[in-house]
Amino acid sequence: MPDRIPLTCLGSGAALNDGRRWNSLLIDGRVLLDLPPTAVLELVRLGLDVTAIDVIFISHLHADHMFGLPFLLLEYCIRRRRERPIYVVGPPGIEERTETLCDMAWPDMRKAGFVPHVPVEYIEVTEDGEYEAGDLRFTAVQMEHFTLTAFGYRFPYAGKTFAYTGDTADCEQLDRLLDGADVAILEWTHPRPASDTGHMDAPAIARRMEKLREQGTTVFATHMSETPEPMDDLIICEDCKTYYV
């Protein structure tokens, strides 16, 4: 049996939640799915190697998904360094927004000559399609998250295909994102039926689980406002817990 891949939940909460850390997951120490402000603290607290992260996928430009970037880059200004690049993948504006956030967060840093001791390469995803971040090839699929540009990501890693929805309503694009995936990470903001047009609720998750069970996908739920009722074959993420897939 091949080695299983660690998936660490740095946080499983929606922007408004019952006390969870904000949603972020780390695959094999190398691939980070969204980067809220709480994620860097959890990486350090859990003793994980910040400098091992090669690719950061930002699903959209809401604060609970990307305001951790200034904190990560601060680490590289002061305490960390590495020669190979970090790839930051996100929707249009990810580079400009990150630089603006860093200048707002640490307005004196650039003037004092502090810059991150790591090459940062931004990959702006403008539409559905195939892209590359270093040696990682991935597919971007645009989701439906209110009026914001938001993407789900799908990529092969260590012999498995991962699919991550980011924030999304239940939409037909999810079929393309999730079809045939070995591991699916779904947002589940609302534990009960809801009229929210930008997030998933319990009935939407139940509908998706029917097909995911049939194709033998390992399914995780994250980005929760509160803990939902258990659902067969669905793993409800817990903050700071590592799973193996």
C-alpha atoms as a PDB file:
ATOM      1  CA  MET A   1       0.000   0.000   0.000  1.00  0.00           C
ATOM      2  CA  PRO A   2       1.437   3.407  -0.908  1.00  0.00           C
ATOM      3  CA  ASP A   3       2.170   5.883   1.872  1.00  0.00           C
ATOM      4  CA  ARG A   4      -0.856   7.890   2.863  1.00  0.00           C
ATOM      5  CA  ILE A   5      -0.814  11.663   2.513  1.00  0.00           C
ATOM      6  CA  PRO A   6      -1.239  13.861   5.614  1.00  0.00           C
ATOM      7  CA  LEU A   7      -3.945  16.506   5.458  1.00  0.00           C
ATOM      8  CA  THR A   8      -3.802  18.924   8.394  1.00  0.00           C
ATOM      9  CA  CYS A   9      -6.773  21.102   9.234  1.00  0.00           C
ATOM     10  CA  LEU A  10      -5.379  24.444  10.413  1.00  0.00           C
ATOM     11  CA  GLY A  11      -8.925  25.726  10.741  1.00  0.00           C
ATOM     12  CA  SER A  12     -12.432  24.722   9.728  1.00  0.00           C
ATOM     13  CA  GLY A  13     -14.531  27.821  10.347  1.00  0.00           C
ATOM     14  CA  ALA A  14     -16.510  30.187   8.159  1.00  0.00           C
ATOM     15  CA  ALA A  15     -16.017  33.929   8.577  1.00  0.00           C
ATOM     16  CA  LEU A  16     -18.718  33.913  11.277  1.00  0.00           C
ATOM     17  CA  ASN A  17     -18.604  30.734  13.327  1.00  0.00           C
ATOM     18  CA  ASP A  18     -18.883  29.202  16.786  1.00  0.00           C
ATOM     19  CA  GLY A  19     -15.244  29.666  17.804  1.00  0.00           C
ATOM     20  CA  ARG A  20     -13.347  27.710  15.168  1.00  0.00           C
ATOM     21  CA  ARG A  21     -10.189  28.954  13.518  1.00  0.00           C
ATOM     22  CA  TRP A  22     -10.814  30.144   9.986  1.00  0.00           C
ATOM     23  CA  ASN A  23     -10.742  27.603   7.182  1.00  0.00           C
ATOM     24  CA  SER A  24      -7.316  26.442   5.968  1.00  0.00           C
ATOM     25  CA  LEU A  25      -5.926  23.005   5.124  1.00  0.00           C
ATOM     26  CA  LEU A  26      -2.378  21.826   4.488  1.00  0.00           C
ATOM     27  CA  ILE A  27      -1.658  18.839   2.253  1.00  0.00           C
ATOM     28  CA  ASP A  28       1.581  16.956   2.903  1.00  0.00           C
ATOM     29  CA  GLY A  29       3.188  20.086   4.336  1.00  0.00           C
ATOM     30  CA  ARG A  30       3.513  21.512   0.816  1.00  0.00           C
ATOM     31  CA  VAL A  31       0.153  22.612  -0.555  1.00  0.00           C
ATOM     32  CA  LEU A  32      -1.915  25.123   1.412  1.00  0.00           C
ATOM     33  CA  LEU A  33      -5.605  25.662   0.715  1.00  0.00           C
ATOM     34  CA  ASP A  34      -6.478  29.250   1.667  1.00  0.00           C
ATOM     35  CA  LEU A  35      -4.574  31.390   4.153  1.00  0.00           C
ATOM     36  CA  PRO A  36      -6.541  33.232   6.853  1.00  0.00           C
ATOM     37  CA  PRO A  37      -4.817  35.202   9.642  1.00  0.00           C
ATOM     38  CA  THR A  38      -5.033  32.269  12.088  1.00  0.00           C
ATOM     39  CA  ALA A  39      -3.210  29.791   9.835  1.00  0.00           C
ATOM     40  CA  VAL A  40       0.370  30.936  10.395  1.00  0.00           C
ATOM     41  CA  LEU A  41      -0.113  30.796  14.172  1.00  0.00           C
ATOM     42  CA  GLU A  42      -1.356  27.217  13.877  1.00  0.00           C
ATOM     43  CA  LEU A  43       1.535  26.204  11.640  1.00  0.00           C
ATOM     44  CA  VAL A  44       3.967  27.433  14.282  1.00  0.00           C
ATOM     45  CA  ARG A  45       2.003  26.016  17.214  1.00  0.00           C
ATOM     46  CA  LEU A  46       1.816  22.565  15.594  1.00  0.00           C
ATOM     47  CA  GLY A  47       5.538  22.592  14.829  1.00  0.00           C
ATOM     48  CA  LEU A  48       5.017  22.436  11.069  1.00  0.00           C
ATOM     49  CA  ASP A  49       7.707  23.720   8.727  1.00  0.00           C
ATOM     50  CA  VAL A  50       6.528  27.030   7.292  1.00  0.00           C
ATOM     51  CA  THR A  51       9.340  26.966   4.722  1.00  0.00           C
ATOM     52  CA  ALA A  52       8.122  23.635   3.278  1.00  0.00           C
ATOM     53  CA  ILE A  53       5.010  25.218   1.766  1.00  0.00           C
ATOM     54  CA  ASP A  54       5.441  25.469  -1.992  1.00  0.00           C
ATOM     55  CA  VAL A  55       1.977  26.374  -3.298  1.00  0.00           C
ATOM     56  CA  ILE A  56      -0.785  28.450  -1.718  1.00  0.00           C
ATOM     57  CA  PHE A  57      -4.216  28.316  -3.323  1.00  0.00           C
ATOM     58  CA  ILE A  58      -6.394  31.341  -2.583  1.00  0.00           C
ATOM     59  CA  SER A  59      -9.964  30.640  -3.616  1.00  0.00           C
ATOM     60  CA  HIS A  60     -11.166  34.259  -3.497  1.00  0.00           C
ATOM     61  CA  LEU A  61     -10.311  37.635  -2.015  1.00  0.00           C
ATOM     62  CA  HIS A  62     -12.316  37.597   1.209  1.00  0.00           C
ATOM     63  CA  ALA A  63     -10.447  38.321   4.443  1.00  0.00           C
ATOM     64  CA  ASP A  64     -10.947  34.894   6.016  1.00  0.00           C
ATOM     65  CA  HIS A  65      -9.291  33.298   2.980  1.00  0.00           C
ATOM     66  CA  MET A  66      -6.277  35.496   2.248  1.00  0.00           C
ATOM     67  CA  PHE A  67      -5.525  38.010   5.026  1.00  0.00           C
ATOM     68  CA  GLY A  68      -2.897  35.598   6.378  1.00  0.00           C
ATOM     69  CA  LEU A  69      -0.559  36.426   3.498  1.00  0.00           C
ATOM     70  CA  PRO A  70       0.964  39.489   5.254  1.00  0.00           C
ATOM     71  CA  PHE A  71       1.690  37.323   8.304  1.00  0.00           C
ATOM     72  CA  LEU A  72       3.366  34.620   6.217  1.00  0.00           C
ATOM     73  CA  LEU A  73       5.489  37.153   4.349  1.00  0.00           C
ATOM     74  CA  LEU A  74       6.409  38.822   7.645  1.00  0.00           C
ATOM     75  CA  GLU A  75       7.870  35.469   8.716  1.00  0.00           C
ATOM     76  CA  TYR A  76      10.079  35.612   5.631  1.00  0.00           C
ATOM     77  CA  CYS A  77      11.084  39.196   6.354  1.00  0.00           C
ATOM     78  CA  ILE A  78      12.264  38.397   9.872  1.00  0.00           C
ATOM     79  CA  ARG A  79      12.569  34.713  10.784  1.00  0.00           C
ATOM     80  CA  ARG A  80      12.576  32.565   7.652  1.00  0.00           C
ATOM     81  CA  ARG A  81      14.315  32.373   4.314  1.00  0.00           C
ATOM     82  CA  ARG A  82      14.513  30.026   1.359  1.00  0.00           C
ATOM     83  CA  GLU A  83      15.860  30.088  -2.176  1.00  0.00           C
ATOM     84  CA  ARG A  84      13.103  28.357  -4.121  1.00  0.00           C
ATOM     85  CA  PRO A  85       9.923  30.311  -4.836  1.00  0.00           C
ATOM     86  CA  ILE A  86       6.544  30.157  -3.182  1.00  0.00           C
ATOM     87  CA  TYR A  87       3.689  30.113  -5.682  1.00  0.00           C
ATOM     88  CA  VAL A  88       0.591  32.068  -4.687  1.00  0.00           C
ATOM     89  CA  VAL A  89      -2.388  31.113  -6.845  1.00  0.00           C
ATOM     90  CA  GLY A  90      -5.506  33.254  -6.833  1.00  0.00           C
ATOM     91  CA  PRO A  91      -8.073  35.219  -8.780  1.00  0.00           C
ATOM     92  CA  PRO A  92      -7.254  38.449 -10.618  1.00  0.00           C
ATOM     93  CA  GLY A  93      -5.837  41.064  -8.271  1.00  0.00           C
ATOM     94  CA  ILE A  94      -4.161  38.623  -5.873  1.00  0.00           C
ATOM     95  CA  GLU A  95      -0.705  40.193  -6.267  1.00  0.00           C
ATOM     96  CA  GLU A  96      -1.844  43.802  -5.965  1.00  0.00           C
ATOM     97  CA  ARG A  97      -4.144  42.989  -3.037  1.00  0.00           C
ATOM     98  CA  THR A  98      -1.359  41.163  -1.189  1.00  0.00           C
ATOM     99  CA  GLU A  99       1.100  44.028  -1.610  1.00  0.00           C
ATOM    100  CA  THR A 100      -1.533  46.524  -0.448  1.00  0.00           C
ATOM    101  CA  LEU A 101      -2.315  44.411   2.608  1.00  0.00           C
ATOM    102  CA  CYS A 102       1.364  44.105   3.514  1.00  0.00           C
ATOM    103  CA  ASP A 103       1.857  47.881   3.281  1.00  0.00           C
ATOM    104  CA  MET A 104      -1.252  48.474   5.387  1.00  0.00           C
ATOM    105  CA  ALA A 105      -0.265  45.860   7.961  1.00  0.00           C
ATOM    106  CA  TRP A 106       3.404  46.844   8.287  1.00  0.00           C
ATOM    107  CA  PRO A 107       3.636  50.422   6.884  1.00  0.00           C
ATOM    108  CA  ASP A 108       7.207  50.954   8.065  1.00  0.00           C
ATOM    109  CA  MET A 109       8.679  47.670   6.836  1.00  0.00           C
ATOM    110  CA  ARG A 110       9.350  48.507   3.204  1.00  0.00           C
ATOM    111  CA  LYS A 111      10.809  51.909   4.125  1.00  0.00           C
ATOM    112  CA  ALA A 112      13.147  50.196   6.573  1.00  0.00           C
ATOM    113  CA  GLY A 113      14.388  47.858   3.845  1.00  0.00           C
ATOM    114  CA  PHE A 114      12.666  44.704   5.065  1.00  0.00           C
ATOM    115  CA  VAL A 115      11.616  42.455   2.206  1.00  0.00           C
ATOM    116  CA  PRO A 116      10.676  38.762   2.202  1.00  0.00           C
ATOM    117  CA  HIS A 117      13.711  36.487   1.881  1.00  0.00           C
ATOM    118  CA  VAL A 118      11.910  34.235  -0.583  1.00  0.00           C
ATOM    119  CA  PRO A 119      10.943  34.607  -4.239  1.00  0.00           C
ATOM    120  CA  VAL A 120       7.152  34.966  -4.478  1.00  0.00           C
ATOM    121  CA  GLU A 121       5.554  34.083  -7.798  1.00  0.00           C
ATOM    122  CA  TYR A 122       1.903  35.009  -8.268  1.00  0.00           C
ATOM    123  CA  ILE A 123      -0.288  33.033 -10.633  1.00  0.00           C
ATOM    124  CA  GLU A 124      -3.454  34.969 -11.377  1.00  0.00           C
ATOM    125  CA  VAL A 125      -6.285  32.708 -12.502  1.00  0.00           C
ATOM    126  CA  THR A 126      -8.520  34.572 -14.923  1.00  0.00           C
ATOM    127  CA  GLU A 127     -10.766  31.781 -16.208  1.00  0.00           C
ATOM    128  CA  ASP A 128     -11.438  28.072 -16.116  1.00  0.00           C
ATOM    129  CA  GLY A 129      -8.500  26.064 -17.377  1.00  0.00           C
ATOM    130  CA  GLU A 130      -5.207  24.318 -16.806  1.00  0.00           C
ATOM    131  CA  TYR A 131      -2.334  26.071 -15.029  1.00  0.00           C
ATOM    132  CA  GLU A 132       1.023  25.286 -13.439  1.00  0.00           C
ATOM    133  CA  ALA A 133       2.547  26.337 -10.129  1.00  0.00           C
ATOM    134  CA  GLY A 134       6.108  25.097 -10.230  1.00  0.00           C
ATOM    135  CA  ASP A 135       5.881  21.322 -10.605  1.00  0.00           C
ATOM    136  CA  LEU A 136       2.199  21.217  -9.632  1.00  0.00           C
ATOM    137  CA  ARG A 137      -0.313  21.223 -12.454  1.00  0.00           C
ATOM    138  CA  PHE A 138      -3.842  22.185 -11.508  1.00  0.00           C
ATOM    139  CA  THR A 139      -7.263  22.907 -12.934  1.00  0.00           C
ATOM    140  CA  ALA A 140      -9.225  26.008 -11.920  1.00  0.00           C
ATOM    141  CA  VAL A 141     -13.023  25.968 -12.049  1.00  0.00           C
ATOM    142  CA  GLN A 142     -14.984  29.136 -11.365  1.00  0.00           C
ATOM    143  CA  MET A 143     -17.487  28.749  -8.548  1.00  0.00           C
ATOM    144  CA  GLU A 144     -20.589  30.781  -7.659  1.00  0.00           C
ATOM    145  CA  HIS A 145     -19.909  32.861  -4.547  1.00  0.00           C
ATOM    146  CA  PHE A 146     -22.237  35.848  -4.569  1.00  0.00           C
ATOM    147  CA  THR A 147     -20.867  38.321  -7.165  1.00  0.00           C
ATOM    148  CA  LEU A 148     -17.201  37.664  -6.348  1.00  0.00           C
ATOM    149  CA  THR A 149     -14.728  35.911  -8.629  1.00  0.00           C
ATOM    150  CA  ALA A 150     -14.029  32.643  -6.825  1.00  0.00           C
ATOM    151  CA  PHE A 151     -12.360  29.427  -7.932  1.00  0.00           C
ATOM    152  CA  GLY A 152     -12.277  25.825  -6.914  1.00  0.00           C
ATOM    153  CA  TYR A 153      -9.067  23.928  -7.591  1.00  0.00           C
ATOM    154  CA  ARG A 154      -8.315  20.375  -8.662  1.00  0.00           C
ATOM    155  CA  PHE A 155      -4.849  18.833  -8.849  1.00  0.00           C
ATOM    156  CA  PRO A 156      -3.009  15.510  -8.809  1.00  0.00           C
ATOM    157  CA  TYR A 157      -0.646  14.978  -5.907  1.00  0.00           C
ATOM    158  CA  ALA A 158       1.273  11.835  -4.904  1.00  0.00           C
ATOM    159  CA  GLY A 159      -0.965   9.593  -6.964  1.00  0.00           C
ATOM    160  CA  LYS A 160      -4.279  11.052  -5.828  1.00  0.00           C
ATOM    161  CA  THR A 161      -6.559  13.707  -7.290  1.00  0.00           C
ATOM    162  CA  PHE A 162      -7.617  16.422  -4.843  1.00  0.00           C
ATOM    163  CA  ALA A 163     -10.564  18.769  -5.376  1.00  0.00           C
ATOM    164  CA  TYR A 164     -11.208  21.834  -3.208  1.00  0.00           C
ATOM    165  CA  THR A 165     -14.347  23.899  -3.624  1.00  0.00           C
ATOM    166  CA  GLY A 166     -13.371  27.051  -1.753  1.00  0.00           C
ATOM    167  CA  ASP A 167     -16.520  29.066  -1.034  1.00  0.00           C
ATOM    168  CA  THR A 168     -19.403  28.306  -3.369  1.00  0.00           C
ATOM    169  CA  ALA A 169     -23.099  27.784  -3.739  1.00  0.00           C
ATOM    170  CA  ASP A 170     -24.331  24.458  -5.044  1.00  0.00           C
ATOM    171  CA  CYS A 171     -23.768  24.887  -8.786  1.00  0.00           C
ATOM    172  CA  GLU A 172     -23.288  22.771 -11.894  1.00  0.00           C
ATOM    173  CA  GLN A 173     -19.582  23.624 -12.040  1.00  0.00           C
ATOM    174  CA  LEU A 174     -19.096  21.421  -8.988  1.00  0.00           C
ATOM    175  CA  ASP A 175     -19.739  18.389 -11.184  1.00  0.00           C
ATOM    176  CA  ARG A 176     -16.602  19.135 -13.226  1.00  0.00           C
ATOM    177  CA  LEU A 177     -14.570  19.925 -10.145  1.00  0.00           C
ATOM    178  CA  LEU A 178     -15.501  16.820  -8.156  1.00  0.00           C
ATOM    179  CA  ASP A 179     -15.958  14.166 -10.850  1.00  0.00           C
ATOM    180  CA  GLY A 180     -13.519  11.308 -10.277  1.00  0.00           C
ATOM    181  CA  ALA A 181     -11.666  13.009  -7.415  1.00  0.00           C
ATOM    182  CA  ASP A 182     -10.013  10.755  -4.845  1.00  0.00           C
ATOM    183  CA  VAL A 183     -10.233  13.414  -2.134  1.00  0.00           C
ATOM    184  CA  ALA A 184     -12.889  16.161  -2.065  1.00  0.00           C
ATOM    185  CA  ILE A 185     -12.856  19.084   0.369  1.00  0.00           C
ATOM    186  CA  LEU A 186     -16.252  20.779   0.457  1.00  0.00           C
ATOM    187  CA  GLU A 187     -17.360  23.982   2.099  1.00  0.00           C
ATOM    188  CA  TRP A 188     -20.355  23.442   4.409  1.00  0.00           C
ATOM    189  CA  THR A 189     -21.198  26.852   5.798  1.00  0.00           C
ATOM    190  CA  HIS A 190     -24.782  26.183   6.876  1.00  0.00           C
ATOM    191  CA  PRO A 191     -25.607  23.077   8.933  1.00  0.00           C
ATOM    192  CA  ARG A 192     -29.317  23.455   8.136  1.00  0.00           C
ATOM    193  CA  PRO A 193     -31.284  24.463   5.035  1.00  0.00           C
ATOM    194  CA  ALA A 194     -30.547  28.075   4.119  1.00  0.00           C
ATOM    195  CA  SER A 195     -31.447  30.584   1.410  1.00  0.00           C
ATOM    196  CA  ASP A 196     -27.838  31.784   1.115  1.00  0.00           C
ATOM    197  CA  THR A 197     -26.906  32.038  -2.586  1.00  0.00           C
ATOM    198  CA  GLY A 198     -23.163  31.957  -1.993  1.00  0.00           C
ATOM    199  CA  HIS A 199     -22.643  28.940   0.272  1.00  0.00           C
ATOM    200  CA  MET A 200     -23.563  25.279   0.695  1.00  0.00           C
ATOM    201  CA  ASP A 201     -26.132  24.025   3.167  1.00  0.00           C
ATOM    202  CA  ALA A 202     -27.100  20.578   4.478  1.00  0.00           C
ATOM    203  CA  PRO A 203     -29.392  19.587   1.564  1.00  0.00           C
ATOM    204  CA  ALA A 204     -26.735  20.622  -0.968  1.00  0.00           C
ATOM    205  CA  ILE A 205     -24.094  18.558   0.808  1.00  0.00           C
ATOM    206  CA  ALA A 206     -26.429  15.553   0.987  1.00  0.00           C
ATOM    207  CA  ARG A 207     -27.061  15.741  -2.776  1.00  0.00           C
ATOM    208  CA  ARG A 208     -23.339  15.905  -3.517  1.00  0.00           C
ATOM    209  CA  MET A 209     -22.563  13.018  -1.178  1.00  0.00           C
ATOM    210  CA  GLU A 210     -24.737  10.615  -3.174  1.00  0.00           C
ATOM    211  CA  LYS A 211     -22.412  10.699  -6.177  1.00  0.00           C
ATOM    212  CA  LEU A 212     -19.215  11.068  -4.142  1.00  0.00           C
ATOM    213  CA  ARG A 213     -20.049   7.879  -2.241  1.00  0.00           C
ATOM    214  CA  GLU A 214     -20.632   6.044  -5.512  1.00  0.00           C
ATOM    215  CA  GLN A 215     -17.243   7.044  -6.892  1.00  0.00           C
ATOM    216  CA  GLY A 216     -15.454   6.140  -3.648  1.00  0.00           C
ATOM    217  CA  THR A 217     -14.231   9.647  -2.857  1.00  0.00           C
ATOM    218  CA  THR A 218     -12.881  10.511   0.581  1.00  0.00           C
ATOM    219  CA  VAL A 219     -14.866  13.624   1.522  1.00  0.00           C
ATOM    220  CA  PHE A 220     -14.081  16.339   4.062  1.00  0.00           C
ATOM    221  CA  ALA A 221     -16.340  19.173   5.177  1.00  0.00           C
ATOM    222  CA  THR A 222     -14.870  22.516   6.223  1.00  0.00           C
ATOM    223  CA  HIS A 223     -15.761  26.248   6.386  1.00  0.00           C
ATOM    224  CA  MET A 224     -18.537  25.671   8.911  1.00  0.00           C
ATOM    225  CA  SER A 225     -20.506  28.229  10.905  1.00  0.00           C
ATOM    226  CA  GLU A 226     -21.165  25.564  13.538  1.00  0.00           C
ATOM    227  CA  THR A 227     -20.793  21.813  13.840  1.00  0.00           C
ATOM    228  CA  PRO A 228     -23.331  20.053  11.602  1.00  0.00           C
ATOM    229  CA  GLU A 229     -25.031  16.751  12.287  1.00  0.00           C
ATOM    230  CA  PRO A 230     -22.933  13.774  11.141  1.00  0.00           C
ATOM    231  CA  MET A 231     -23.474  12.449   7.634  1.00  0.00           C
ATOM    232  CA  ASP A 232     -22.484   8.981   6.465  1.00  0.00           C
ATOM    233  CA  ASP A 233     -19.039   8.787   4.825  1.00  0.00           C
ATOM    234  CA  LEU A 234     -18.354  12.486   5.400  1.00  0.00           C
ATOM    235  CA  ILE A 235     -15.443  13.587   7.593  1.00  0.00           C
ATOM    236  CA  ILE A 236     -16.226  16.803   9.475  1.00  0.00           C
ATOM    237  CA  CYS A 237     -12.933  18.643   9.888  1.00  0.00           C
ATOM    238  CA  GLU A 238     -11.655  19.438  13.367  1.00  0.00           C
ATOM    239  CA  ASP A 239      -9.213  22.278  13.983  1.00  0.00           C
ATOM    240  CA  CYS A 240      -5.573  21.235  14.372  1.00  0.00           C
ATOM    241  CA  LYS A 241      -6.240  17.583  13.497  1.00  0.00           C
ATOM    242  CA  THR A 242      -4.240  15.673  10.883  1.00  0.00           C
ATOM    243  CA  TYR A 243      -5.960  13.101   8.690  1.00  0.00           C
ATOM    244  CA  TYR A 244      -4.336  10.602   6.304  1.00  0.00           C
ATOM    245  CA  VAL A 245      -5.718   9.939   2.841  1.00  0.00           C
END
